[in-house]
Amino acid sequence: MPTKRFGARYGRKPKKKFGQIEAQQRAKHKCPYCNKIAAKRLSVGIWNCPKCDTKFAGKAYTI
């Protein structure tokens, strides 16, 4: 669980929601150019696909 770093702070519901969002953004996504599930998030809105070597803009957490 990626929210263990918060310890006893912030409460259960905010940590659960944050964990879901963070897991979604760290997962590999489908590249819109080569249609392979390989695109990874570099920073807010910047995505990179190592399969077709493409860097592109998208949504903040998902493509």
Protein backbone atom coordinates (compact mmCIF):
# COMPACT_ATOMS: atom_id res chain seq x y z
CA MET A 1 0.00 0.00 0.00
CA PRO A 2 1.67 3.25 -1.11
CA THR A 3 0.04 5.36 1.61
CA LYS A 4 1.88 3.70 4.50
CA ARG A 5 4.38 6.54 4.36
CA PHE A 6 1.74 8.83 5.90
CA GLY A 7 1.47 6.77 9.08
CA ALA A 8 -1.39 7.77 11.37
CA ARG A 9 -1.89 11.17 9.72
CA TYR A 10 -4.71 12.41 7.44
CA GLY A 11 -7.36 9.72 8.06
CA ARG A 12 -8.51 6.61 6.26
CA LYS A 13 -10.63 8.00 3.42
CA PRO A 14 -8.18 10.61 2.08
CA LYS A 15 -5.36 8.04 2.16
CA LYS A 16 -7.52 5.48 0.34
CA LYS A 17 -8.44 7.97 -2.39
CA PHE A 18 -4.83 9.09 -2.74
CA GLY A 19 -3.70 5.47 -2.99
CA GLN A 20 -6.15 4.78 -5.81
CA ILE A 21 -5.05 7.85 -7.78
CA GLU A 22 -1.37 7.13 -7.26
CA ALA A 23 -1.71 3.49 -8.30
CA GLN A 24 -3.54 4.59 -11.45
CA GLN A 25 -0.92 7.16 -12.43
CA ARG A 26 2.03 4.81 -11.79
CA ALA A 27 0.54 2.01 -13.91
CA LYS A 28 1.47 1.51 -17.56
CA HIS A 29 -1.06 2.91 -20.02
CA LYS A 30 -1.95 2.27 -23.65
CA CYS A 31 0.13 4.36 -26.04
CA PRO A 32 -2.05 6.31 -28.50
CA TYR A 33 0.58 5.91 -31.24
CA CYS A 34 1.58 2.23 -31.16
CA ASN A 35 -1.40 0.90 -29.10
CA LYS A 36 0.86 -1.08 -26.76
CA ILE A 37 0.47 -0.94 -22.99
CA ALA A 38 3.84 0.65 -22.29
CA ALA A 39 3.39 4.39 -21.74
CA LYS A 40 4.65 5.68 -18.39
CA ARG A 41 4.12 9.06 -16.76
CA LEU A 42 7.20 11.28 -16.61
CA SER A 43 5.65 14.31 -14.93
CA VAL A 44 2.29 16.10 -14.77
CA GLY A 45 0.75 15.63 -18.22
CA ILE A 46 3.96 14.33 -19.86
CA TRP A 47 4.00 10.69 -20.97
CA ASN A 48 6.64 8.52 -22.62
CA CYS A 49 6.34 5.28 -24.57
CA PRO A 50 9.63 3.36 -24.70
CA LYS A 51 8.29 0.91 -27.33
CA CYS A 52 7.82 3.51 -30.08
CA ASP A 53 10.12 6.10 -28.44
CA THR A 54 7.43 8.80 -28.32
CA LYS A 55 6.98 11.56 -25.77
CA PHE A 56 3.54 13.18 -25.73
CA ALA A 57 1.17 15.26 -23.64
CA GLY A 58 -1.97 13.88 -22.03
CA LYS A 59 -4.03 14.14 -18.87
CA ALA A 60 -2.37 14.60 -15.48
CA TYR A 61 -3.02 11.11 -14.03
CA THR A 62 -4.11 9.00 -17.02
CA ILE A 63 -3.89 9.17 -20.79
